[in-house]
Amino acid sequence: MTIKVIKTKEDYFEALSRFEQIFQAKDGSSEEEEADILAILIEDYEQKKFSIEAPHPLDAIKFRMEEQGLSNKDLANILGHKSRVTDIFRKNRKLNLQMIRRLHTALNIPLETLIKDYE
């Protein structure tokens, strides 16, 4: 296979097929190097074509709460005050740095999601 930039779906599927064939190539072989290059090209194409936007911070918090079976009271324990939870969900108050840190640590929500600006 000739290695080239992936521009179309056909190129993408061809690269995936070849990558599957040589995935377990021997160390130091030309196929190993080809697999490394293909992995980079495939990842680049996927990031351009299939990128997923980070969710709204409040949606991420609600999702994680639902996933872990947490209530607003549990979230209040994380943030410190029940009124903060109400204000945040009503969009009367934005997340501050301390809240972001606590939510990231307690709920394992990526920082990139929590720091996203919102109205």
N, C-alpha and C. Protein backbone atom coordinates (compact mmCIF):
# COMPACT_ATOMS: atom_id res chain seq x y z
N MET A 1 0.85 -1.19 0.00
CA MET A 1 0.00 0.00 0.00
C MET A 1 0.88 1.24 0.00
N THR A 2 0.51 2.20 -0.81
CA THR A 2 1.19 3.48 -0.81
C THR A 2 0.56 4.36 0.26
N ILE A 3 1.37 4.89 1.14
CA ILE A 3 0.85 5.74 2.22
C ILE A 3 0.60 7.13 1.66
N LYS A 4 -0.62 7.63 1.95
CA LYS A 4 -1.00 8.96 1.47
C LYS A 4 -1.95 9.58 2.49
N VAL A 5 -2.13 10.88 2.37
CA VAL A 5 -3.04 11.60 3.24
C VAL A 5 -4.46 11.08 3.00
N ILE A 6 -5.19 10.89 4.06
CA ILE A 6 -6.56 10.38 3.95
C ILE A 6 -7.50 11.56 3.70
N LYS A 7 -8.14 11.55 2.54
CA LYS A 7 -9.02 12.66 2.15
C LYS A 7 -10.47 12.24 1.98
N THR A 8 -10.72 10.98 1.71
CA THR A 8 -12.08 10.51 1.44
C THR A 8 -12.41 9.33 2.34
N LYS A 9 -13.70 8.97 2.35
CA LYS A 9 -14.12 7.78 3.11
C LYS A 9 -13.44 6.53 2.58
N GLU A 10 -13.30 6.49 1.27
CA GLU A 10 -12.66 5.32 0.66
C GLU A 10 -11.21 5.21 1.13
N ASP A 11 -10.50 6.35 1.14
CA ASP A 11 -9.12 6.36 1.64
C ASP A 11 -9.09 5.89 3.09
N TYR A 12 -10.05 6.37 3.87
CA TYR A 12 -10.12 6.05 5.29
C TYR A 12 -10.31 4.54 5.49
N PHE A 13 -11.29 3.95 4.80
CA PHE A 13 -11.55 2.52 4.96
C PHE A 13 -10.38 1.67 4.44
N GLU A 14 -9.74 2.13 3.39
CA GLU A 14 -8.56 1.43 2.88
C GLU A 14 -7.44 1.46 3.92
N ALA A 15 -7.24 2.62 4.53
CA ALA A 15 -6.19 2.75 5.55
C ALA A 15 -6.51 1.88 6.76
N LEU A 16 -7.79 1.87 7.18
CA LEU A 16 -8.18 1.02 8.31
C LEU A 16 -7.95 -0.45 8.02
N SER A 17 -8.31 -0.85 6.82
CA SER A 17 -8.13 -2.25 6.43
C SER A 17 -6.65 -2.63 6.47
N ARG A 18 -5.81 -1.78 5.89
CA ARG A 18 -4.37 -2.07 5.89
C ARG A 18 -3.82 -2.07 7.31
N PHE A 19 -4.28 -1.14 8.13
CA PHE A 19 -3.81 -1.05 9.51
C PHE A 19 -4.15 -2.34 10.26
N GLU A 20 -5.35 -2.86 10.05
CA GLU A 20 -5.74 -4.12 10.69
C GLU A 20 -4.83 -5.27 10.27
N GLN A 21 -4.40 -5.26 9.01
CA GLN A 21 -3.54 -6.33 8.51
C GLN A 21 -2.16 -6.31 9.15
N ILE A 22 -1.64 -5.11 9.42
CA ILE A 22 -0.26 -5.00 9.90
C ILE A 22 -0.16 -4.55 11.36
N PHE A 23 -1.28 -4.56 12.05
CA PHE A 23 -1.33 -4.06 13.42
C PHE A 23 -0.30 -4.72 14.33
N GLN A 24 -0.08 -5.99 14.19
CA GLN A 24 0.84 -6.70 15.07
C GLN A 24 2.17 -7.00 14.37
N ALA A 25 2.64 -6.05 13.59
CA ALA A 25 3.91 -6.22 12.88
C ALA A 25 5.06 -6.34 13.88
N LYS A 26 6.12 -7.01 13.47
CA LYS A 26 7.30 -7.20 14.31
C LYS A 26 8.01 -5.87 14.54
N ASP A 27 8.56 -5.73 15.75
CA ASP A 27 9.32 -4.52 16.09
C ASP A 27 10.46 -4.32 15.11
N GLY A 28 10.60 -3.07 14.67
CA GLY A 28 11.70 -2.73 13.78
C GLY A 28 11.44 -3.02 12.31
N SER A 29 10.32 -3.61 12.00
CA SER A 29 10.03 -3.95 10.60
C SER A 29 9.46 -2.74 9.86
N SER A 30 9.49 -2.81 8.54
CA SER A 30 8.92 -1.73 7.74
C SER A 30 7.41 -1.67 7.93
N GLU A 31 6.79 -2.82 8.19
CA GLU A 31 5.35 -2.83 8.44
C GLU A 31 5.00 -2.13 9.75
N GLU A 32 5.88 -2.24 10.75
CA GLU A 32 5.65 -1.53 12.01
C GLU A 32 5.66 -0.02 11.76
N GLU A 33 6.63 0.43 10.98
CA GLU A 33 6.70 1.85 10.67
C GLU A 33 5.48 2.30 9.87
N GLU A 34 5.05 1.47 8.93
CA GLU A 34 3.85 1.77 8.15
C GLU A 34 2.63 1.87 9.06
N ALA A 35 2.52 0.96 10.02
CA ALA A 35 1.39 0.98 10.97
C ALA A 35 1.41 2.25 11.81
N ASP A 36 2.58 2.67 12.24
CA ASP A 36 2.69 3.90 13.03
C ASP A 36 2.22 5.11 12.22
N ILE A 37 2.63 5.17 10.97
CA ILE A 37 2.24 6.29 10.10
C ILE A 37 0.74 6.25 9.82
N LEU A 38 0.23 5.07 9.53
CA LEU A 38 -1.21 4.93 9.29
C LEU A 38 -2.02 5.34 10.51
N ALA A 39 -1.56 4.97 11.69
CA ALA A 39 -2.27 5.34 12.93
C ALA A 39 -2.38 6.86 13.04
N ILE A 40 -1.31 7.56 12.72
CA ILE A 40 -1.31 9.02 12.78
C ILE A 40 -2.28 9.59 11.75
N LEU A 41 -2.24 9.08 10.53
CA LEU A 41 -3.12 9.56 9.47
C LEU A 41 -4.59 9.27 9.78
N ILE A 42 -4.86 8.09 10.31
CA ILE A 42 -6.24 7.71 10.66
C ILE A 42 -6.75 8.61 11.78
N GLU A 43 -5.95 8.82 12.80
CA GLU A 43 -6.35 9.68 13.91
C GLU A 43 -6.63 11.10 13.43
N ASP A 44 -5.78 11.62 12.56
CA ASP A 44 -5.96 12.97 12.02
C ASP A 44 -7.29 13.07 11.27
N TYR A 45 -7.58 12.10 10.42
CA TYR A 45 -8.82 12.09 9.65
C TYR A 45 -10.03 12.02 10.59
N GLU A 46 -9.96 11.14 11.59
CA GLU A 46 -11.09 10.98 12.52
C GLU A 46 -11.34 12.26 13.32
N GLN A 47 -10.28 12.93 13.72
CA GLN A 47 -10.46 14.17 14.47
C GLN A 47 -11.11 15.25 13.61
N LYS A 48 -10.78 15.27 12.35
CA LYS A 48 -11.36 16.28 11.45
C LYS A 48 -12.80 15.95 11.08
N LYS A 49 -13.09 14.68 10.85
CA LYS A 49 -14.41 14.28 10.34
C LYS A 49 -15.40 13.85 11.42
N PHE A 50 -14.90 13.34 12.53
CA PHE A 50 -15.81 12.79 13.53
C PHE A 50 -15.66 13.45 14.90
N SER A 51 -15.17 14.67 14.94
CA SER A 51 -14.96 15.31 16.23
C SER A 51 -16.30 15.56 16.92
N ILE A 52 -16.30 15.41 18.21
CA ILE A 52 -17.49 15.58 19.02
C ILE A 52 -17.23 16.75 19.97
N GLU A 53 -18.12 17.71 19.93
CA GLU A 53 -18.01 18.86 20.81
C GLU A 53 -18.20 18.44 22.26
N ALA A 54 -17.48 19.13 23.13
CA ALA A 54 -17.67 18.88 24.55
C ALA A 54 -19.09 19.31 24.93
N PRO A 55 -19.75 18.58 25.82
CA PRO A 55 -21.11 18.95 26.20
C PRO A 55 -21.13 20.25 27.01
N HIS A 56 -22.30 20.83 27.11
CA HIS A 56 -22.50 22.00 27.96
C HIS A 56 -22.14 21.58 29.38
N PRO A 57 -21.47 22.44 30.15
CA PRO A 57 -21.06 22.05 31.51
C PRO A 57 -22.21 21.54 32.39
N LEU A 58 -23.36 22.21 32.30
CA LEU A 58 -24.48 21.79 33.14
C LEU A 58 -25.04 20.44 32.70
N ASP A 59 -25.03 20.19 31.40
CA ASP A 59 -25.47 18.88 30.91
C ASP A 59 -24.53 17.78 31.39
N ALA A 60 -23.25 18.08 31.39
CA ALA A 60 -22.26 17.10 31.86
C ALA A 60 -22.46 16.80 33.34
N ILE A 61 -22.74 17.82 34.13
CA ILE A 61 -22.97 17.63 35.56
C ILE A 61 -24.23 16.78 35.78
N LYS A 62 -25.30 17.13 35.08
CA LYS A 62 -26.56 16.38 35.22
C LYS A 62 -26.38 14.93 34.79
N PHE A 63 -25.66 14.74 33.69
CA PHE A 63 -25.41 13.37 33.22
C PHE A 63 -24.66 12.56 34.26
N ARG A 64 -23.60 13.15 34.80
CA ARG A 64 -22.79 12.42 35.78
C ARG A 64 -23.58 12.15 37.06
N MET A 65 -24.42 13.12 37.45
CA MET A 65 -25.26 12.90 38.63
C MET A 65 -26.21 11.73 38.40
N GLU A 66 -26.84 11.71 37.23
CA GLU A 66 -27.76 10.62 36.90
C GLU A 66 -27.03 9.28 36.85
N GLU A 67 -25.86 9.30 36.23
CA GLU A 67 -25.06 8.09 36.09
C GLU A 67 -24.68 7.50 37.44
N GLN A 68 -24.38 8.39 38.41
CA GLN A 68 -23.93 7.93 39.72
C GLN A 68 -25.05 7.91 40.76
N GLY A 69 -26.27 8.24 40.32
CA GLY A 69 -27.41 8.22 41.23
C GLY A 69 -27.35 9.28 42.30
N LEU A 70 -26.81 10.45 41.96
CA LEU A 70 -26.66 11.53 42.92
C LEU A 70 -27.86 12.47 42.88
N SER A 71 -28.15 13.07 44.02
CA SER A 71 -29.24 14.05 44.11
C SER A 71 -28.64 15.46 44.17
N ASN A 72 -29.53 16.45 44.14
CA ASN A 72 -29.07 17.83 44.30
C ASN A 72 -28.41 18.02 45.66
N LYS A 73 -28.88 17.28 46.66
CA LYS A 73 -28.28 17.36 48.00
C LYS A 73 -26.83 16.86 47.96
N ASP A 74 -26.60 15.78 47.21
CA ASP A 74 -25.24 15.26 47.07
C ASP A 74 -24.34 16.29 46.38
N LEU A 75 -24.90 16.92 45.36
CA LEU A 75 -24.13 17.96 44.65
C LEU A 75 -23.86 19.14 45.57
N ALA A 76 -24.83 19.48 46.42
CA ALA A 76 -24.64 20.56 47.38
C ALA A 76 -23.49 20.24 48.33
N ASN A 77 -23.36 18.99 48.70
CA ASN A 77 -22.24 18.58 49.56
C ASN A 77 -20.90 18.77 48.86
N ILE A 78 -20.90 18.56 47.56
CA ILE A 78 -19.67 18.75 46.79
C ILE A 78 -19.34 20.23 46.66
N LEU A 79 -20.37 21.04 46.38
CA LEU A 79 -20.15 22.47 46.14
C LEU A 79 -20.18 23.31 47.41
N GLY A 80 -20.76 22.78 48.48
CA GLY A 80 -20.74 23.51 49.74
C GLY A 80 -22.07 24.07 50.18
N HIS A 81 -22.96 24.44 49.25
CA HIS A 81 -24.24 25.04 49.62
C HIS A 81 -25.34 24.60 48.66
N LYS A 82 -26.52 24.33 49.21
CA LYS A 82 -27.66 23.92 48.38
C LYS A 82 -28.09 25.05 47.45
N SER A 83 -28.01 26.28 47.93
CA SER A 83 -28.44 27.42 47.11
C SER A 83 -27.56 27.56 45.87
N ARG A 84 -26.30 27.16 45.96
CA ARG A 84 -25.41 27.22 44.79
C ARG A 84 -25.90 26.29 43.69
N VAL A 85 -26.35 25.11 44.07
CA VAL A 85 -26.84 24.14 43.10
C VAL A 85 -28.04 24.72 42.36
N THR A 86 -28.99 25.26 43.10
CA THR A 86 -30.17 25.86 42.49
C THR A 86 -29.79 27.00 41.57
N ASP A 87 -28.92 27.88 42.03
CA ASP A 87 -28.49 29.04 41.22
C ASP A 87 -27.77 28.59 39.96
N ILE A 88 -26.96 27.56 40.06
CA ILE A 88 -26.21 27.07 38.89
C ILE A 88 -27.16 26.48 37.85
N PHE A 89 -28.09 25.64 38.29
CA PHE A 89 -29.00 25.02 37.34
C PHE A 89 -30.02 26.01 36.76
N ARG A 90 -30.30 27.07 37.48
CA ARG A 90 -31.18 28.13 36.94
C ARG A 90 -30.39 29.14 36.10
N LYS A 91 -29.10 28.93 36.03
CA LYS A 91 -28.17 29.79 35.29
C LYS A 91 -28.10 31.20 35.86
N ASN A 92 -28.35 31.31 37.17
CA ASN A 92 -28.18 32.59 37.86
C ASN A 92 -26.75 32.77 38.33
N ARG A 93 -26.00 31.69 38.33
CA ARG A 93 -24.61 31.72 38.78
C ARG A 93 -23.80 30.79 37.90
N LYS A 94 -22.63 31.26 37.51
CA LYS A 94 -21.73 30.41 36.73
C LYS A 94 -20.79 29.67 37.67
N LEU A 95 -20.22 28.62 37.15
CA LEU A 95 -19.24 27.86 37.92
C LEU A 95 -17.99 28.70 38.13
N ASN A 96 -17.50 28.73 39.35
CA ASN A 96 -16.22 29.41 39.60
C ASN A 96 -15.11 28.37 39.66
N LEU A 97 -13.90 28.83 39.79
CA LEU A 97 -12.74 27.93 39.75
C LEU A 97 -12.80 26.87 40.84
N GLN A 98 -13.18 27.26 42.04
CA GLN A 98 -13.25 26.29 43.14
C GLN A 98 -14.31 25.22 42.85
N MET A 99 -15.46 25.63 42.33
CA MET A 99 -16.51 24.67 41.98
C MET A 99 -16.04 23.72 40.89
N ILE A 100 -15.37 24.27 39.89
CA ILE A 100 -14.85 23.45 38.79
C ILE A 100 -13.90 22.39 39.32
N ARG A 101 -13.01 22.81 40.19
CA ARG A 101 -12.06 21.85 40.77
C ARG A 101 -12.77 20.75 41.54
N ARG A 102 -13.74 21.14 42.35
CA ARG A 102 -14.47 20.16 43.16
C ARG A 102 -15.26 19.18 42.28
N LEU A 103 -15.92 19.72 41.26
CA LEU A 103 -16.70 18.88 40.36
C LEU A 103 -15.80 17.91 39.58
N HIS A 104 -14.68 18.44 39.15
CA HIS A 104 -13.72 17.60 38.43
C HIS A 104 -13.25 16.44 39.30
N THR A 105 -12.91 16.75 40.53
CA THR A 105 -12.40 15.73 41.45
C THR A 105 -13.49 14.75 41.87
N ALA A 106 -14.64 15.26 42.24
CA ALA A 106 -15.70 14.41 42.78
C ALA A 106 -16.44 13.62 41.70
N LEU A 107 -16.66 14.24 40.55
CA LEU A 107 -17.48 13.60 39.52
C LEU A 107 -16.67 13.14 38.31
N ASN A 108 -15.38 13.44 38.32
CA ASN A 108 -14.50 13.03 37.23
C ASN A 108 -14.97 13.56 35.87
N ILE A 109 -15.39 14.82 35.87
CA ILE A 109 -15.79 15.49 34.62
C ILE A 109 -14.55 16.21 34.10
N PRO A 110 -14.22 16.05 32.82
CA PRO A 110 -13.03 16.71 32.29
C PRO A 110 -13.05 18.23 32.50
N LEU A 111 -11.91 18.76 32.84
CA LEU A 111 -11.81 20.21 33.05
C LEU A 111 -12.22 20.99 31.81
N GLU A 112 -11.88 20.46 30.63
CA GLU A 112 -12.21 21.13 29.37
C GLU A 112 -13.71 21.34 29.24
N THR A 113 -14.48 20.42 29.77
CA THR A 113 -15.93 20.54 29.72
C THR A 113 -16.41 21.57 30.73
N LEU A 114 -15.90 21.51 31.94
CA LEU A 114 -16.38 22.39 33.01
C LEU A 114 -16.00 23.86 32.79
N ILE A 115 -14.90 24.13 32.11
CA ILE A 115 -14.49 25.52 31.93
C ILE A 115 -15.13 26.17 30.70
N LYS A 116 -15.86 25.38 29.94
CA LYS A 116 -16.51 25.90 28.74
C LYS A 116 -17.48 27.01 29.12
N ASP A 117 -17.38 28.14 28.44
CA ASP A 117 -18.22 29.29 28.74
C ASP A 117 -19.66 29.03 28.28
N TYR A 118 -20.60 29.54 29.01
CA TYR A 118 -22.00 29.38 28.64
C TYR A 118 -22.81 30.59 29.11
N GLU A 119 -23.98 30.73 28.54
CA GLU A 119 -24.88 31.84 28.90
C GLU A 119 -25.78 31.44 30.03
